[in-house]
Amino acid sequence: MAQIVSYAPNSCQHHIDIAHFRPETANGDKFQLMLDYPQSKQRCHQMLLTVYGATIVTLMMLFYAFESRSHWFTMAFAVACLGSAAYGFLAGTWPFGVVESIWSLVALHKWRELRAR
């Protein structure tokens, strides 16, 4: 079985196995390529989820560090906590998602108090 291999490291291009060729028309002049790549698709999704998680946690840390500069950083931190909660649920770690959701509520409460001053 032939294999088409992507030489782009750290990308979402798939390693594709050619299953078979099948005539697309009655006269057989054209062929339809049947592809099978579910495993590489899953790996790509896992990589994208990991990049998303690392990005959102980095933003959380930055916004938390700058909270004393403006109440808007507190709001940004709350939104980033929601993003982190989404990551937790998507990654299948629901306790992490629940805790981050609670942190988001705490940060929103803090933002309301800071804004009222």
N, C-alpha and C. Protein backbone atom coordinates (compact mmCIF):
# COMPACT_ATOMS: atom_id res chain seq x y z
N MET A 1 0.85 -1.18 0.00
CA MET A 1 0.00 0.00 0.00
C MET A 1 0.89 1.24 0.00
N ALA A 2 0.63 2.14 -0.90
CA ALA A 2 1.41 3.37 -0.99
C ALA A 2 1.05 4.30 0.14
N GLN A 3 1.98 5.18 0.45
CA GLN A 3 1.73 6.14 1.53
C GLN A 3 2.23 7.52 1.10
N ILE A 4 1.37 8.52 1.31
CA ILE A 4 1.75 9.91 1.08
C ILE A 4 2.14 10.45 2.45
N VAL A 5 3.35 10.96 2.56
CA VAL A 5 3.84 11.41 3.86
C VAL A 5 4.09 12.92 3.82
N SER A 6 3.60 13.59 4.80
CA SER A 6 3.82 15.03 4.94
C SER A 6 5.18 15.24 5.61
N TYR A 7 5.98 16.14 5.06
CA TYR A 7 7.28 16.42 5.66
C TYR A 7 7.29 17.76 6.37
N ALA A 8 6.12 18.21 6.83
CA ALA A 8 6.03 19.46 7.57
C ALA A 8 5.93 19.12 9.05
N PRO A 9 7.04 19.16 9.79
CA PRO A 9 6.97 18.81 11.21
C PRO A 9 6.11 19.79 12.00
N ASN A 10 5.49 19.29 13.03
CA ASN A 10 4.66 20.11 13.93
C ASN A 10 3.53 20.82 13.21
N SER A 11 2.98 20.18 12.20
CA SER A 11 1.86 20.79 11.50
C SER A 11 0.68 19.84 11.56
N CYS A 12 -0.45 20.29 11.08
CA CYS A 12 -1.65 19.46 11.07
C CYS A 12 -1.85 18.79 9.73
N GLN A 13 -0.83 18.76 8.91
CA GLN A 13 -0.97 18.00 7.68
C GLN A 13 -0.91 16.53 8.04
N HIS A 14 -1.70 15.75 7.34
CA HIS A 14 -1.88 14.36 7.73
C HIS A 14 -0.99 13.40 6.96
N HIS A 15 -0.61 12.33 7.62
CA HIS A 15 0.02 11.21 6.96
C HIS A 15 -1.13 10.37 6.42
N ILE A 16 -1.17 10.18 5.13
CA ILE A 16 -2.33 9.60 4.48
C ILE A 16 -1.97 8.27 3.84
N ASP A 17 -2.71 7.23 4.14
CA ASP A 17 -2.57 5.96 3.46
C ASP A 17 -3.54 5.93 2.28
N ILE A 18 -3.05 5.51 1.14
CA ILE A 18 -3.93 5.39 -0.02
C ILE A 18 -4.60 4.03 0.07
N ALA A 19 -5.91 4.03 0.24
CA ALA A 19 -6.64 2.78 0.38
C ALA A 19 -6.75 2.07 -0.96
N HIS A 20 -7.25 2.75 -1.95
CA HIS A 20 -7.36 2.17 -3.29
C HIS A 20 -7.85 3.22 -4.27
N PHE A 21 -7.68 2.93 -5.54
CA PHE A 21 -8.22 3.79 -6.58
C PHE A 21 -9.51 3.17 -7.09
N ARG A 22 -10.46 4.00 -7.45
CA ARG A 22 -11.73 3.51 -7.97
C ARG A 22 -12.13 4.40 -9.15
N PRO A 23 -12.58 3.77 -10.25
CA PRO A 23 -13.01 4.61 -11.38
C PRO A 23 -14.12 5.56 -10.96
N GLU A 24 -13.98 6.83 -11.34
CA GLU A 24 -15.00 7.82 -11.01
C GLU A 24 -16.06 7.88 -12.10
N THR A 25 -15.67 7.59 -13.31
CA THR A 25 -16.61 7.60 -14.42
C THR A 25 -16.70 6.22 -15.03
N ALA A 26 -17.68 6.01 -15.87
CA ALA A 26 -17.90 4.70 -16.48
C ALA A 26 -16.76 4.30 -17.40
N ASN A 27 -16.13 5.27 -18.06
CA ASN A 27 -15.06 4.91 -18.99
C ASN A 27 -13.71 4.74 -18.29
N GLY A 28 -13.62 5.08 -17.02
CA GLY A 28 -12.40 4.85 -16.25
C GLY A 28 -11.30 5.84 -16.49
N ASP A 29 -11.59 6.94 -17.19
CA ASP A 29 -10.56 7.94 -17.46
C ASP A 29 -10.11 8.67 -16.20
N LYS A 30 -11.02 8.89 -15.30
CA LYS A 30 -10.68 9.60 -14.06
C LYS A 30 -10.75 8.62 -12.89
N PHE A 31 -9.98 8.89 -11.88
CA PHE A 31 -9.97 8.03 -10.69
C PHE A 31 -10.27 8.88 -9.47
N GLN A 32 -10.94 8.26 -8.52
CA GLN A 32 -11.21 8.92 -7.25
C GLN A 32 -10.27 8.31 -6.22
N LEU A 33 -9.57 9.12 -5.53
CA LEU A 33 -8.63 8.65 -4.53
C LEU A 33 -9.36 8.51 -3.20
N MET A 34 -9.34 7.33 -2.64
CA MET A 34 -9.98 7.08 -1.35
C MET A 34 -8.90 7.21 -0.27
N LEU A 35 -9.12 8.07 0.68
CA LEU A 35 -8.12 8.34 1.72
C LEU A 35 -8.62 7.91 3.09
N ASP A 36 -7.68 7.48 3.92
CA ASP A 36 -8.01 7.07 5.28
C ASP A 36 -7.02 7.75 6.22
N TYR A 37 -7.50 8.73 7.03
CA TYR A 37 -6.59 9.42 7.94
C TYR A 37 -7.23 9.78 9.28
N PRO A 38 -8.06 8.94 9.87
CA PRO A 38 -8.68 9.34 11.15
C PRO A 38 -7.69 9.47 12.31
N GLN A 39 -6.65 8.65 12.34
CA GLN A 39 -5.71 8.73 13.47
C GLN A 39 -4.92 10.03 13.43
N SER A 40 -4.46 10.43 12.26
CA SER A 40 -3.68 11.66 12.18
C SER A 40 -4.58 12.87 12.44
N LYS A 41 -5.85 12.78 12.07
CA LYS A 41 -6.78 13.86 12.35
C LYS A 41 -6.95 14.02 13.86
N GLN A 42 -7.02 12.91 14.58
CA GLN A 42 -7.15 12.96 16.04
C GLN A 42 -5.90 13.58 16.66
N ARG A 43 -4.74 13.21 16.16
CA ARG A 43 -3.50 13.79 16.67
C ARG A 43 -3.45 15.29 16.43
N CYS A 44 -3.93 15.71 15.27
CA CYS A 44 -3.96 17.14 14.96
C CYS A 44 -4.87 17.87 15.94
N HIS A 45 -6.03 17.32 16.22
CA HIS A 45 -6.96 17.95 17.16
C HIS A 45 -6.37 18.01 18.55
N GLN A 46 -5.65 16.96 18.96
CA GLN A 46 -5.01 16.96 20.27
C GLN A 46 -3.93 18.03 20.34
N MET A 47 -3.19 18.19 19.26
CA MET A 47 -2.14 19.21 19.24
C MET A 47 -2.76 20.60 19.32
N LEU A 48 -3.82 20.84 18.56
CA LEU A 48 -4.48 22.14 18.60
C LEU A 48 -5.06 22.43 19.98
N LEU A 49 -5.61 21.41 20.63
CA LEU A 49 -6.15 21.58 21.98
C LEU A 49 -5.03 21.92 22.97
N THR A 50 -3.88 21.28 22.81
CA THR A 50 -2.74 21.57 23.68
C THR A 50 -2.24 23.00 23.48
N VAL A 51 -2.15 23.43 22.24
CA VAL A 51 -1.71 24.81 21.95
C VAL A 51 -2.71 25.80 22.53
N TYR A 52 -4.00 25.52 22.37
CA TYR A 52 -5.03 26.39 22.93
C TYR A 52 -4.89 26.48 24.45
N GLY A 53 -4.72 25.33 25.11
CA GLY A 53 -4.59 25.30 26.57
C GLY A 53 -3.37 26.08 27.06
N ALA A 54 -2.25 25.89 26.39
CA ALA A 54 -1.04 26.60 26.79
C ALA A 54 -1.20 28.11 26.59
N THR A 55 -1.85 28.49 25.51
CA THR A 55 -2.06 29.91 25.24
C THR A 55 -2.98 30.55 26.27
N ILE A 56 -4.07 29.89 26.57
CA ILE A 56 -5.05 30.47 27.49
C ILE A 56 -4.48 30.56 28.92
N VAL A 57 -3.71 29.58 29.32
CA VAL A 57 -3.11 29.63 30.66
C VAL A 57 -2.05 30.73 30.73
N THR A 58 -1.31 30.92 29.65
CA THR A 58 -0.33 32.01 29.60
C THR A 58 -1.03 33.37 29.72
N LEU A 59 -2.15 33.52 29.00
CA LEU A 59 -2.92 34.76 29.11
C LEU A 59 -3.44 34.97 30.53
N MET A 60 -3.91 33.89 31.15
CA MET A 60 -4.38 33.99 32.54
C MET A 60 -3.28 34.55 33.45
N MET A 61 -2.08 34.00 33.31
CA MET A 61 -0.96 34.44 34.16
C MET A 61 -0.63 35.91 33.91
N LEU A 62 -0.62 36.32 32.64
CA LEU A 62 -0.32 37.72 32.32
C LEU A 62 -1.38 38.66 32.88
N PHE A 63 -2.64 38.33 32.67
CA PHE A 63 -3.71 39.19 33.17
C PHE A 63 -3.71 39.26 34.70
N TYR A 64 -3.42 38.13 35.34
CA TYR A 64 -3.34 38.13 36.80
C TYR A 64 -2.21 39.02 37.28
N ALA A 65 -1.08 38.96 36.60
CA ALA A 65 0.08 39.76 36.99
C ALA A 65 -0.20 41.26 36.84
N PHE A 66 -1.04 41.65 35.88
CA PHE A 66 -1.33 43.06 35.63
C PHE A 66 -2.62 43.54 36.28
N GLU A 67 -3.23 42.74 37.12
CA GLU A 67 -4.50 43.13 37.74
C GLU A 67 -4.42 44.45 38.51
N SER A 68 -3.28 44.72 39.11
CA SER A 68 -3.16 45.94 39.92
C SER A 68 -3.11 47.20 39.05
N ARG A 69 -2.88 47.07 37.76
CA ARG A 69 -2.78 48.24 36.88
C ARG A 69 -4.13 48.78 36.44
N SER A 70 -5.11 47.89 36.28
CA SER A 70 -6.42 48.34 35.82
C SER A 70 -7.46 47.26 36.14
N HIS A 71 -8.68 47.71 36.40
CA HIS A 71 -9.73 46.73 36.67
C HIS A 71 -10.07 45.93 35.41
N TRP A 72 -9.69 46.44 34.24
CA TRP A 72 -9.95 45.70 33.00
C TRP A 72 -9.10 44.44 32.90
N PHE A 73 -7.93 44.43 33.52
CA PHE A 73 -7.12 43.21 33.55
C PHE A 73 -7.81 42.14 34.40
N THR A 74 -8.55 42.58 35.41
CA THR A 74 -9.32 41.63 36.23
C THR A 74 -10.42 41.01 35.38
N MET A 75 -11.08 41.82 34.56
CA MET A 75 -12.10 41.30 33.66
C MET A 75 -11.48 40.34 32.63
N ALA A 76 -10.33 40.72 32.09
CA ALA A 76 -9.64 39.84 31.13
C ALA A 76 -9.24 38.52 31.79
N PHE A 77 -8.83 38.59 33.05
CA PHE A 77 -8.51 37.38 33.79
C PHE A 77 -9.74 36.48 33.93
N ALA A 78 -10.89 37.08 34.20
CA ALA A 78 -12.13 36.30 34.33
C ALA A 78 -12.48 35.61 33.01
N VAL A 79 -12.32 36.33 31.92
CA VAL A 79 -12.61 35.74 30.60
C VAL A 79 -11.61 34.62 30.30
N ALA A 80 -10.34 34.84 30.62
CA ALA A 80 -9.33 33.80 30.40
C ALA A 80 -9.62 32.57 31.26
N CYS A 81 -10.15 32.78 32.46
CA CYS A 81 -10.54 31.63 33.30
C CYS A 81 -11.65 30.82 32.63
N LEU A 82 -12.59 31.53 31.99
CA LEU A 82 -13.64 30.81 31.25
C LEU A 82 -13.04 30.02 30.09
N GLY A 83 -12.08 30.62 29.42
CA GLY A 83 -11.38 29.90 28.34
C GLY A 83 -10.65 28.68 28.87
N SER A 84 -10.05 28.82 30.02
CA SER A 84 -9.36 27.69 30.65
C SER A 84 -10.35 26.60 31.07
N ALA A 85 -11.52 27.02 31.54
CA ALA A 85 -12.56 26.05 31.89
C ALA A 85 -13.00 25.28 30.65
N ALA A 86 -13.15 26.00 29.54
CA ALA A 86 -13.52 25.34 28.29
C ALA A 86 -12.46 24.31 27.89
N TYR A 87 -11.19 24.68 28.06
CA TYR A 87 -10.11 23.74 27.78
C TYR A 87 -10.24 22.50 28.67
N GLY A 88 -10.50 22.72 29.95
CA GLY A 88 -10.64 21.58 30.86
C GLY A 88 -11.74 20.63 30.44
N PHE A 89 -12.89 21.18 30.05
CA PHE A 89 -13.99 20.32 29.62
C PHE A 89 -13.67 19.63 28.30
N LEU A 90 -13.05 20.35 27.36
CA LEU A 90 -12.71 19.75 26.07
C LEU A 90 -11.65 18.66 26.21
N ALA A 91 -10.75 18.83 27.17
CA ALA A 91 -9.68 17.85 27.38
C ALA A 91 -10.17 16.65 28.20
N GLY A 92 -11.39 16.73 28.70
CA GLY A 92 -11.93 15.61 29.47
C GLY A 92 -11.58 15.66 30.94
N THR A 93 -11.08 16.78 31.41
CA THR A 93 -10.75 16.93 32.83
C THR A 93 -11.77 17.87 33.46
N TRP A 94 -12.97 17.36 33.63
CA TRP A 94 -14.07 18.21 34.11
C TRP A 94 -13.82 18.85 35.47
N PRO A 95 -13.08 18.22 36.43
CA PRO A 95 -12.83 18.93 37.69
C PRO A 95 -12.05 20.24 37.47
N PHE A 96 -11.11 20.21 36.55
CA PHE A 96 -10.35 21.42 36.20
C PHE A 96 -11.29 22.46 35.62
N GLY A 97 -12.20 22.04 34.75
CA GLY A 97 -13.18 22.94 34.16
C GLY A 97 -14.07 23.58 35.20
N VAL A 98 -14.49 22.80 36.20
CA VAL A 98 -15.36 23.32 37.26
C VAL A 98 -14.61 24.35 38.10
N VAL A 99 -13.38 24.02 38.48
CA VAL A 99 -12.59 24.94 39.32
C VAL A 99 -12.33 26.24 38.57
N GLU A 100 -11.99 26.17 37.30
CA GLU A 100 -11.73 27.38 36.53
C GLU A 100 -13.00 28.20 36.35
N SER A 101 -14.14 27.55 36.24
CA SER A 101 -15.41 28.28 36.16
C SER A 101 -15.67 29.06 37.44
N ILE A 102 -15.37 28.42 38.57
CA ILE A 102 -15.53 29.11 39.86
C ILE A 102 -14.58 30.29 39.96
N TRP A 103 -13.32 30.11 39.53
CA TRP A 103 -12.36 31.22 39.55
C TRP A 103 -12.85 32.37 38.68
N SER A 104 -13.49 32.05 37.60
CA SER A 104 -14.03 33.09 36.73
C SER A 104 -15.09 33.90 37.46
N LEU A 105 -15.97 33.21 38.19
CA LEU A 105 -17.00 33.91 38.97
C LEU A 105 -16.39 34.80 40.06
N VAL A 106 -15.35 34.28 40.71
CA VAL A 106 -14.66 35.06 41.75
C VAL A 106 -14.03 36.31 41.13
N ALA A 107 -13.40 36.15 39.97
CA ALA A 107 -12.76 37.29 39.31
C ALA A 107 -13.80 38.31 38.84
N LEU A 108 -14.94 37.86 38.36
CA LEU A 108 -16.01 38.78 37.96
C LEU A 108 -16.53 39.57 39.16
N HIS A 109 -16.67 38.90 40.29
CA HIS A 109 -17.10 39.59 41.52
C HIS A 109 -16.07 40.65 41.91
N LYS A 110 -14.79 40.30 41.84
CA LYS A 110 -13.73 41.25 42.16
C LYS A 110 -13.76 42.43 41.19
N TRP A 111 -14.00 42.16 39.90
CA TRP A 111 -14.06 43.21 38.90
C TRP A 111 -15.19 44.19 39.19
N ARG A 112 -16.35 43.66 39.58
CA ARG A 112 -17.48 44.53 39.93
C ARG A 112 -17.14 45.46 41.09
N GLU A 113 -16.48 44.90 42.11
CA GLU A 113 -16.08 45.72 43.26
C GLU A 113 -15.06 46.80 42.87
N LEU A 114 -14.09 46.42 42.04
CA LEU A 114 -13.06 47.38 41.61
C LEU A 114 -13.66 48.48 40.72
N ARG A 115 -14.60 48.11 39.88
CA ARG A 115 -15.21 49.07 38.98
C ARG A 115 -16.08 50.07 39.74
N ALA A 116 -16.68 49.63 40.84
CA ALA A 116 -17.56 50.50 41.63
C ALA A 116 -16.79 51.58 42.39
N ARG A 117 -15.50 51.38 42.57
CA ARG A 117 -14.70 52.35 43.34
C ARG A 117 -14.48 53.63 42.60
